[in-house]
């Protein structure tokens, strides 16, 4: 699976059921299992590749089901409502305000995307996929693509 440095605390399947009811979509099994095991938090391996133009980025953390609005999946989904397609759920963030998202419906159900906030429509157009970049065709494939941040390792070795 994945090594996590920190998690947002234990949750129960009923809490995921309630989240799914709030969202109006079912979560893919692999992501549901991730929430049950870790409930979001900080991964040990944080670097992921976006594409040749954007290069690499780092995950600041995964959202979970918690009482704090800042890391709460339902709260983040509500905040992003109208800013990205309705069936796209932000599941993690980078340090620059971008989101790592999971498609919950359609032909791309289960795909993981990078949502670039700098390319977001600001003129009232309905959100679409123009600022979503495919990262992986499943949540498990995305997790498998994560690697350590070499900059963190260099900083530690200098100490």
N, C-alpha and C. Protein backbone atom coordinates (compact mmCIF):
# COMPACT_ATOMS: atom_id res chain seq x y z
N UNK A 1 0.85 -1.19 0.00
CA UNK A 1 0.00 0.00 0.00
C UNK A 1 0.89 1.24 0.00
N UNK A 2 1.01 1.95 1.09
CA UNK A 2 1.76 3.19 1.18
C UNK A 2 2.18 3.38 2.63
N UNK A 3 3.33 4.02 2.83
CA UNK A 3 3.76 4.37 4.17
C UNK A 3 3.26 5.77 4.49
N UNK A 4 2.65 5.91 5.65
CA UNK A 4 2.15 7.21 6.07
C UNK A 4 2.91 7.66 7.31
N UNK A 5 3.30 8.92 7.34
CA UNK A 5 3.98 9.49 8.49
C UNK A 5 3.00 9.91 9.57
N UNK A 6 1.81 10.26 9.12
CA UNK A 6 0.79 10.77 10.03
C UNK A 6 -0.57 10.47 9.41
N UNK A 7 -1.57 10.24 10.24
CA UNK A 7 -2.92 10.05 9.72
C UNK A 7 -3.88 10.92 10.51
N UNK A 8 -5.11 11.00 10.02
CA UNK A 8 -6.10 11.88 10.65
C UNK A 8 -6.97 11.16 11.67
N UNK A 9 -6.61 9.94 12.03
CA UNK A 9 -7.34 9.23 13.06
C UNK A 9 -8.27 8.17 12.51
N UNK A 10 -8.66 7.27 13.37
CA UNK A 10 -9.49 6.13 12.99
C UNK A 10 -10.90 6.56 12.60
N UNK A 11 -11.42 5.90 11.57
CA UNK A 11 -12.82 6.11 11.18
C UNK A 11 -13.48 4.75 11.01
N UNK A 12 -14.78 4.76 10.84
CA UNK A 12 -15.56 3.54 10.69
C UNK A 12 -16.28 3.54 9.33
N UNK A 13 -16.61 2.37 8.82
CA UNK A 13 -17.28 2.29 7.51
C UNK A 13 -18.54 3.17 7.41
N UNK A 14 -19.24 3.34 8.51
CA UNK A 14 -20.46 4.15 8.50
C UNK A 14 -20.13 5.61 8.17
N UNK A 15 -18.96 6.08 8.56
CA UNK A 15 -18.57 7.45 8.24
C UNK A 15 -18.31 7.61 6.75
N UNK A 16 -17.77 6.58 6.13
CA UNK A 16 -17.56 6.61 4.68
C UNK A 16 -18.91 6.55 3.98
N UNK A 17 -19.82 5.72 4.49
CA UNK A 17 -21.17 5.66 3.92
C UNK A 17 -21.83 7.03 3.97
N UNK A 18 -21.67 7.74 5.07
CA UNK A 18 -22.26 9.07 5.21
C UNK A 18 -21.61 10.05 4.23
N UNK A 19 -20.30 9.95 4.04
CA UNK A 19 -19.61 10.80 3.07
C UNK A 19 -20.15 10.54 1.67
N UNK A 20 -20.29 9.27 1.30
CA UNK A 20 -20.82 8.91 -0.01
C UNK A 20 -22.23 9.47 -0.21
N UNK A 21 -23.03 9.44 0.82
CA UNK A 21 -24.38 9.99 0.74
C UNK A 21 -24.31 11.50 0.51
N UNK A 22 -23.41 12.18 1.22
CA UNK A 22 -23.23 13.62 1.05
C UNK A 22 -22.78 13.96 -0.36
N UNK A 23 -21.83 13.17 -0.88
CA UNK A 23 -21.28 13.42 -2.22
C UNK A 23 -22.27 13.05 -3.32
N UNK A 24 -23.07 12.01 -3.07
CA UNK A 24 -23.96 11.49 -4.10
C UNK A 24 -23.26 10.51 -5.03
N UNK A 25 -22.09 10.04 -4.62
CA UNK A 25 -21.30 9.10 -5.41
C UNK A 25 -20.68 8.07 -4.48
N UNK A 26 -20.43 6.87 -5.02
CA UNK A 26 -19.70 5.84 -4.29
C UNK A 26 -18.21 6.03 -4.53
N UNK A 27 -17.43 5.71 -3.53
CA UNK A 27 -15.97 5.79 -3.66
C UNK A 27 -15.44 4.48 -4.22
N UNK A 28 -14.40 4.53 -5.06
CA UNK A 28 -13.77 3.30 -5.52
C UNK A 28 -13.25 2.49 -4.32
N UNK A 29 -13.29 1.17 -4.43
CA UNK A 29 -12.92 0.30 -3.31
C UNK A 29 -11.51 0.59 -2.79
N UNK A 30 -10.55 0.82 -3.68
CA UNK A 30 -9.17 1.05 -3.23
C UNK A 30 -9.07 2.33 -2.40
N UNK A 31 -9.81 3.37 -2.79
CA UNK A 31 -9.77 4.61 -2.03
C UNK A 31 -10.51 4.46 -0.71
N UNK A 32 -11.61 3.75 -0.74
CA UNK A 32 -12.37 3.46 0.49
C UNK A 32 -11.48 2.72 1.50
N UNK A 33 -10.73 1.73 1.02
CA UNK A 33 -9.81 0.98 1.89
C UNK A 33 -8.72 1.87 2.45
N UNK A 34 -8.21 2.80 1.63
CA UNK A 34 -7.20 3.76 2.08
C UNK A 34 -7.75 4.60 3.23
N UNK A 35 -8.99 5.09 3.07
CA UNK A 35 -9.59 5.89 4.14
C UNK A 35 -9.76 5.07 5.41
N UNK A 36 -10.21 3.84 5.28
CA UNK A 36 -10.39 3.00 6.47
C UNK A 36 -9.05 2.73 7.17
N UNK A 37 -8.01 2.57 6.39
CA UNK A 37 -6.70 2.25 6.98
C UNK A 37 -6.00 3.49 7.53
N UNK A 38 -6.04 4.60 6.79
CA UNK A 38 -5.26 5.79 7.17
C UNK A 38 -6.09 7.03 7.44
N UNK A 39 -7.25 7.14 6.79
CA UNK A 39 -8.07 8.34 6.89
C UNK A 39 -7.28 9.59 6.51
N UNK A 40 -6.55 9.53 5.43
CA UNK A 40 -5.78 10.69 4.98
C UNK A 40 -4.54 10.90 5.83
N UNK A 41 -3.91 12.03 5.66
CA UNK A 41 -2.72 12.35 6.40
C UNK A 41 -1.53 12.61 5.49
N UNK A 42 -0.35 12.49 6.05
CA UNK A 42 0.89 12.82 5.34
C UNK A 42 1.62 11.55 4.91
N UNK A 43 1.82 11.37 3.60
CA UNK A 43 2.54 10.19 3.13
C UNK A 43 4.04 10.35 3.29
N UNK A 44 4.75 9.23 3.42
CA UNK A 44 6.21 9.27 3.48
C UNK A 44 6.79 9.66 2.12
N UNK A 45 6.25 9.09 1.06
CA UNK A 45 6.67 9.43 -0.30
C UNK A 45 5.70 10.47 -0.84
N UNK A 46 6.23 11.61 -1.26
CA UNK A 46 5.35 12.73 -1.62
C UNK A 46 5.47 13.19 -3.07
N UNK A 47 6.48 12.78 -3.79
CA UNK A 47 6.72 13.30 -5.13
C UNK A 47 5.94 12.49 -6.18
N UNK A 48 5.30 13.22 -7.10
CA UNK A 48 4.61 12.58 -8.21
C UNK A 48 4.89 13.36 -9.48
N UNK A 49 4.81 12.69 -10.61
CA UNK A 49 5.05 13.29 -11.92
C UNK A 49 3.72 13.71 -12.51
N UNK A 50 3.64 14.96 -12.97
CA UNK A 50 2.41 15.45 -13.59
C UNK A 50 2.43 15.17 -15.08
N UNK A 51 3.32 15.83 -15.78
CA UNK A 51 3.53 15.60 -17.21
C UNK A 51 4.82 16.30 -17.61
N UNK A 52 5.18 16.20 -18.90
CA UNK A 52 6.44 16.78 -19.36
C UNK A 52 6.47 18.30 -19.21
N UNK A 53 5.34 18.95 -19.39
CA UNK A 53 5.29 20.41 -19.27
C UNK A 53 5.38 20.87 -17.82
N UNK A 54 4.62 20.25 -16.94
CA UNK A 54 4.56 20.65 -15.53
C UNK A 54 5.68 20.05 -14.68
N UNK A 55 6.18 18.90 -15.06
CA UNK A 55 7.23 18.24 -14.29
C UNK A 55 6.68 17.52 -13.06
N UNK A 56 7.39 17.65 -11.96
CA UNK A 56 7.02 16.97 -10.71
C UNK A 56 6.39 17.95 -9.73
N UNK A 57 5.70 17.37 -8.76
CA UNK A 57 5.09 18.14 -7.68
C UNK A 57 5.15 17.27 -6.43
N UNK A 58 4.74 17.84 -5.31
CA UNK A 58 4.72 17.09 -4.06
C UNK A 58 3.33 17.19 -3.42
N UNK A 59 2.95 16.13 -2.75
CA UNK A 59 1.70 16.11 -1.99
C UNK A 59 1.96 16.75 -0.64
N UNK A 60 1.12 17.70 -0.29
CA UNK A 60 1.17 18.28 1.05
C UNK A 60 0.48 17.39 2.05
N UNK A 61 -0.52 16.65 1.61
CA UNK A 61 -1.24 15.73 2.45
C UNK A 61 -2.50 15.25 1.78
N UNK A 62 -3.05 14.16 2.31
CA UNK A 62 -4.33 13.61 1.85
C UNK A 62 -5.42 14.10 2.79
N UNK A 63 -6.57 14.44 2.23
CA UNK A 63 -7.74 14.78 3.04
C UNK A 63 -8.32 13.50 3.63
N UNK A 64 -9.12 13.67 4.67
CA UNK A 64 -9.78 12.53 5.29
C UNK A 64 -11.14 12.93 5.82
N UNK A 65 -11.69 12.07 6.62
CA UNK A 65 -12.97 12.34 7.27
C UNK A 65 -12.62 12.75 8.69
N UNK A 66 -12.80 14.02 8.98
CA UNK A 66 -12.40 14.54 10.29
C UNK A 66 -13.30 15.71 10.66
N UNK A 67 -13.09 16.22 11.85
CA UNK A 67 -13.91 17.31 12.35
C UNK A 67 -13.41 18.68 11.90
N UNK A 68 -12.15 18.76 11.51
CA UNK A 68 -11.59 20.04 11.07
C UNK A 68 -11.93 20.27 9.61
N UNK A 69 -12.48 21.43 9.30
CA UNK A 69 -12.86 21.74 7.92
C UNK A 69 -11.68 21.73 6.97
N UNK A 70 -10.51 22.09 7.45
CA UNK A 70 -9.37 22.26 6.56
C UNK A 70 -8.94 20.95 5.89
N UNK A 71 -9.06 19.83 6.54
CA UNK A 71 -8.65 18.54 5.96
C UNK A 71 -9.82 17.61 5.69
N UNK A 72 -11.05 18.12 5.80
CA UNK A 72 -12.24 17.30 5.69
C UNK A 72 -12.68 17.16 4.23
N UNK A 73 -12.82 15.92 3.76
CA UNK A 73 -13.22 15.66 2.38
C UNK A 73 -14.53 16.34 2.00
N UNK A 74 -15.53 16.26 2.85
CA UNK A 74 -16.83 16.86 2.53
C UNK A 74 -16.71 18.38 2.43
N UNK A 75 -15.94 18.99 3.31
CA UNK A 75 -15.76 20.45 3.28
C UNK A 75 -15.00 20.88 2.04
N UNK A 76 -13.95 20.17 1.69
CA UNK A 76 -13.16 20.50 0.50
C UNK A 76 -14.02 20.33 -0.75
N UNK A 77 -14.81 19.26 -0.80
CA UNK A 77 -15.70 19.04 -1.93
C UNK A 77 -16.67 20.23 -2.08
N UNK A 78 -17.23 20.69 -0.97
CA UNK A 78 -18.16 21.82 -1.01
C UNK A 78 -17.45 23.10 -1.46
N UNK A 79 -16.25 23.33 -0.97
CA UNK A 79 -15.49 24.52 -1.35
C UNK A 79 -15.19 24.52 -2.85
N UNK A 80 -14.89 23.34 -3.40
CA UNK A 80 -14.53 23.23 -4.82
C UNK A 80 -15.73 23.08 -5.73
N UNK A 81 -16.92 22.99 -5.15
CA UNK A 81 -18.14 22.87 -5.94
C UNK A 81 -18.26 24.05 -6.89
N UNK A 82 -18.49 23.76 -8.15
CA UNK A 82 -18.57 24.81 -9.15
C UNK A 82 -17.23 25.22 -9.73
N UNK A 83 -16.16 24.70 -9.16
CA UNK A 83 -14.81 25.03 -9.65
C UNK A 83 -14.20 23.88 -10.44
N UNK A 84 -14.76 22.68 -10.28
CA UNK A 84 -14.32 21.50 -11.01
C UNK A 84 -15.55 20.66 -11.31
N UNK A 85 -15.47 19.71 -12.24
CA UNK A 85 -16.65 18.89 -12.53
C UNK A 85 -17.22 18.27 -11.25
N UNK A 86 -18.53 18.19 -11.18
CA UNK A 86 -19.23 17.76 -9.96
C UNK A 86 -18.80 16.39 -9.47
N UNK A 87 -18.46 15.47 -10.37
CA UNK A 87 -18.10 14.11 -10.00
C UNK A 87 -16.62 13.94 -9.65
N UNK A 88 -15.89 15.04 -9.55
CA UNK A 88 -14.46 15.01 -9.25
C UNK A 88 -14.26 15.42 -7.80
N UNK A 89 -13.63 14.55 -7.03
CA UNK A 89 -13.43 14.76 -5.59
C UNK A 89 -11.97 15.08 -5.29
N UNK A 90 -11.68 16.24 -4.72
CA UNK A 90 -10.31 16.52 -4.26
C UNK A 90 -9.97 15.56 -3.11
N UNK A 91 -8.83 14.85 -3.25
CA UNK A 91 -8.44 13.88 -2.21
C UNK A 91 -7.11 14.24 -1.55
N UNK A 92 -6.36 15.16 -2.17
CA UNK A 92 -5.07 15.58 -1.63
C UNK A 92 -4.74 16.95 -2.19
N UNK A 93 -3.71 17.58 -1.64
CA UNK A 93 -3.34 18.92 -2.08
C UNK A 93 -1.84 19.03 -2.20
N UNK A 94 -1.41 20.00 -3.01
CA UNK A 94 0.01 20.33 -3.06
C UNK A 94 0.21 21.64 -2.31
N UNK A 95 1.45 22.06 -2.09
CA UNK A 95 1.68 23.29 -1.32
C UNK A 95 1.30 24.58 -2.06
N UNK A 96 0.86 24.49 -3.31
CA UNK A 96 0.63 25.67 -4.12
C UNK A 96 -0.85 25.94 -4.42
N UNK A 97 -1.75 25.22 -3.78
CA UNK A 97 -3.18 25.44 -3.97
C UNK A 97 -3.82 24.56 -5.02
N UNK A 98 -3.07 23.64 -5.58
CA UNK A 98 -3.62 22.70 -6.55
C UNK A 98 -4.15 21.47 -5.82
N UNK A 99 -4.96 20.69 -6.52
CA UNK A 99 -5.59 19.53 -5.90
C UNK A 99 -5.26 18.26 -6.68
N UNK A 100 -5.16 17.16 -5.97
CA UNK A 100 -5.12 15.84 -6.57
C UNK A 100 -6.53 15.31 -6.39
N UNK A 101 -7.14 14.87 -7.49
CA UNK A 101 -8.57 14.55 -7.48
C UNK A 101 -8.84 13.15 -8.00
N UNK A 102 -9.98 12.64 -7.63
CA UNK A 102 -10.44 11.31 -8.01
C UNK A 102 -11.79 11.45 -8.71
N UNK A 103 -11.90 10.86 -9.91
CA UNK A 103 -13.18 10.88 -10.61
C UNK A 103 -14.08 9.80 -10.02
N UNK A 104 -15.31 10.18 -9.71
CA UNK A 104 -16.25 9.26 -9.07
C UNK A 104 -17.38 8.80 -9.98
N UNK A 105 -17.36 9.24 -11.25
CA UNK A 105 -18.43 8.85 -12.18
C UNK A 105 -17.96 9.01 -13.62
N UNK A 106 -18.67 8.39 -14.52
CA UNK A 106 -18.37 8.51 -15.94
C UNK A 106 -17.39 7.46 -16.43
N UNK A 107 -16.95 7.64 -17.66
CA UNK A 107 -16.02 6.70 -18.28
C UNK A 107 -14.67 6.66 -17.58
N UNK A 108 -14.35 7.70 -16.83
CA UNK A 108 -13.05 7.78 -16.17
C UNK A 108 -13.14 7.51 -14.65
N UNK A 109 -14.19 6.85 -14.21
CA UNK A 109 -14.34 6.55 -12.78
C UNK A 109 -13.07 5.88 -12.25
N UNK A 110 -12.56 6.42 -11.15
CA UNK A 110 -11.36 5.87 -10.52
C UNK A 110 -10.07 6.53 -10.97
N UNK A 111 -10.12 7.31 -12.05
CA UNK A 111 -8.91 8.00 -12.51
C UNK A 111 -8.51 9.08 -11.52
N UNK A 112 -7.21 9.32 -11.42
CA UNK A 112 -6.66 10.35 -10.54
C UNK A 112 -6.11 11.47 -11.41
N UNK A 113 -6.46 12.71 -11.05
CA UNK A 113 -6.09 13.88 -11.82
C UNK A 113 -5.38 14.92 -10.95
N UNK A 114 -4.58 15.74 -11.63
CA UNK A 114 -4.01 16.95 -11.05
C UNK A 114 -4.89 18.11 -11.52
N UNK A 115 -5.44 18.88 -10.58
CA UNK A 115 -6.27 20.03 -10.90
C UNK A 115 -5.43 21.28 -10.69
N UNK A 116 -5.14 21.98 -11.80
CA UNK A 116 -4.30 23.17 -11.79
C UNK A 116 -5.16 24.41 -11.59
N UNK A 117 -5.09 25.01 -10.41
CA UNK A 117 -5.94 26.16 -10.09
C UNK A 117 -5.58 27.39 -10.93
N UNK A 118 -4.36 27.47 -11.44
CA UNK A 118 -3.98 28.63 -12.25
C UNK A 118 -4.64 28.60 -13.63
N UNK A 119 -5.13 27.45 -14.04
CA UNK A 119 -5.81 27.34 -15.33
C UNK A 119 -7.33 27.28 -15.18
N UNK A 120 -7.81 27.56 -13.99
CA UNK A 120 -9.24 27.52 -13.71
C UNK A 120 -9.97 28.64 -14.45
N UNK A 121 -11.16 28.34 -14.97
CA UNK A 121 -11.99 29.37 -15.57
C UNK A 121 -12.42 30.35 -14.49
N UNK A 122 -12.29 31.62 -14.77
CA UNK A 122 -12.74 32.65 -13.83
C UNK A 122 -13.81 33.55 -14.45
N UNK A 123 -14.32 33.14 -15.62
CA UNK A 123 -15.27 33.97 -16.35
C UNK A 123 -16.70 33.41 -16.32
N UNK A 124 -16.98 32.51 -15.41
CA UNK A 124 -18.32 31.98 -15.27
C UNK A 124 -18.62 30.75 -16.10
N UNK A 125 -17.68 30.31 -16.92
CA UNK A 125 -17.91 29.08 -17.68
C UNK A 125 -17.98 27.89 -16.72
N UNK A 126 -18.76 26.90 -17.11
CA UNK A 126 -18.87 25.67 -16.31
C UNK A 126 -17.53 24.95 -16.30
N UNK A 127 -17.15 24.39 -15.17
CA UNK A 127 -15.88 23.67 -15.10
C UNK A 127 -15.91 22.43 -15.98
N UNK A 128 -14.77 22.12 -16.57
CA UNK A 128 -14.62 20.92 -17.39
C UNK A 128 -13.22 20.34 -17.13
N UNK A 129 -12.73 19.58 -18.05
CA UNK A 129 -11.46 18.89 -17.87
C UNK A 129 -10.26 19.69 -18.38
N UNK A 130 -10.44 20.92 -18.81
CA UNK A 130 -9.34 21.66 -19.43
C UNK A 130 -8.15 21.87 -18.49
N UNK A 131 -8.39 21.94 -17.19
CA UNK A 131 -7.29 22.13 -16.25
C UNK A 131 -7.05 20.90 -15.36
N UNK A 132 -7.53 19.75 -15.83
CA UNK A 132 -7.27 18.47 -15.16
C UNK A 132 -6.27 17.67 -16.00
N UNK A 133 -5.23 17.20 -15.36
CA UNK A 133 -4.20 16.41 -16.04
C UNK A 133 -4.22 15.01 -15.43
N UNK A 134 -4.39 14.01 -16.28
CA UNK A 134 -4.46 12.62 -15.81
C UNK A 134 -3.12 12.21 -15.20
N UNK A 135 -3.17 11.71 -13.97
CA UNK A 135 -1.98 11.21 -13.28
C UNK A 135 -1.91 9.70 -13.29
N UNK A 136 -3.07 9.05 -13.13
CA UNK A 136 -3.10 7.58 -13.05
C UNK A 136 -4.51 7.10 -13.33
N UNK A 137 -4.62 5.85 -13.80
CA UNK A 137 -5.94 5.31 -14.11
C UNK A 137 -6.59 4.62 -12.92
N UNK A 138 -5.94 4.69 -11.75
CA UNK A 138 -6.55 4.17 -10.52
C UNK A 138 -5.84 4.80 -9.32
N UNK A 139 -6.51 4.76 -8.19
CA UNK A 139 -5.91 5.28 -6.96
C UNK A 139 -4.68 4.47 -6.58
N UNK A 140 -4.76 3.15 -6.70
CA UNK A 140 -3.60 2.31 -6.37
C UNK A 140 -2.41 2.62 -7.27
N UNK A 141 -2.67 2.85 -8.56
CA UNK A 141 -1.58 3.19 -9.49
C UNK A 141 -0.96 4.54 -9.10
N UNK A 142 -1.79 5.47 -8.67
CA UNK A 142 -1.25 6.76 -8.22
C UNK A 142 -0.36 6.57 -7.00
N UNK A 143 -0.84 5.82 -6.01
CA UNK A 143 -0.02 5.58 -4.81
C UNK A 143 1.31 4.91 -5.17
N UNK A 144 1.26 3.96 -6.10
CA UNK A 144 2.47 3.25 -6.52
C UNK A 144 3.46 4.17 -7.22
N UNK A 145 2.97 5.27 -7.80
CA UNK A 145 3.84 6.19 -8.52
C UNK A 145 4.58 7.16 -7.60
N UNK A 146 4.14 7.30 -6.35
CA UNK A 146 4.77 8.24 -5.42
C UNK A 146 6.18 7.79 -5.09
N UNK A 147 7.08 8.77 -4.95
CA UNK A 147 8.46 8.46 -4.60
C UNK A 147 8.94 9.46 -3.55
N UNK A 148 10.06 9.15 -2.89
CA UNK A 148 10.58 10.06 -1.87
C UNK A 148 11.00 11.41 -2.46
N UNK A 149 10.95 12.42 -1.64
CA UNK A 149 11.41 13.76 -2.03
C UNK A 149 12.91 13.83 -1.78
N UNK A 150 13.70 13.83 -2.84
CA UNK A 150 15.16 13.87 -2.72
C UNK A 150 15.64 15.12 -2.00
N UNK A 151 14.91 16.24 -2.13
CA UNK A 151 15.29 17.47 -1.44
C UNK A 151 15.23 17.29 0.06
N UNK A 152 14.22 16.57 0.56
CA UNK A 152 14.11 16.31 2.00
C UNK A 152 15.28 15.48 2.48
N UNK A 153 15.66 14.47 1.69
CA UNK A 153 16.78 13.60 2.06
C UNK A 153 18.08 14.36 2.08
N UNK A 154 18.28 15.29 1.12
CA UNK A 154 19.50 16.10 1.09
C UNK A 154 19.57 17.01 2.29
N UNK A 155 18.44 17.63 2.69
CA UNK A 155 18.41 18.49 3.86
C UNK A 155 18.76 17.72 5.12
N UNK A 156 18.23 16.49 5.27
CA UNK A 156 18.52 15.67 6.44
C UNK A 156 19.99 15.28 6.49
N UNK A 157 20.59 14.97 5.34
CA UNK A 157 21.99 14.54 5.33
C UNK A 157 22.92 15.71 5.63
N UNK A 158 22.49 16.95 5.37
CA UNK A 158 23.31 18.12 5.67
C UNK A 158 23.33 18.43 7.15
N UNK A 159 22.34 17.96 7.89
CA UNK A 159 22.26 18.24 9.33
C UNK A 159 23.23 17.47 10.11
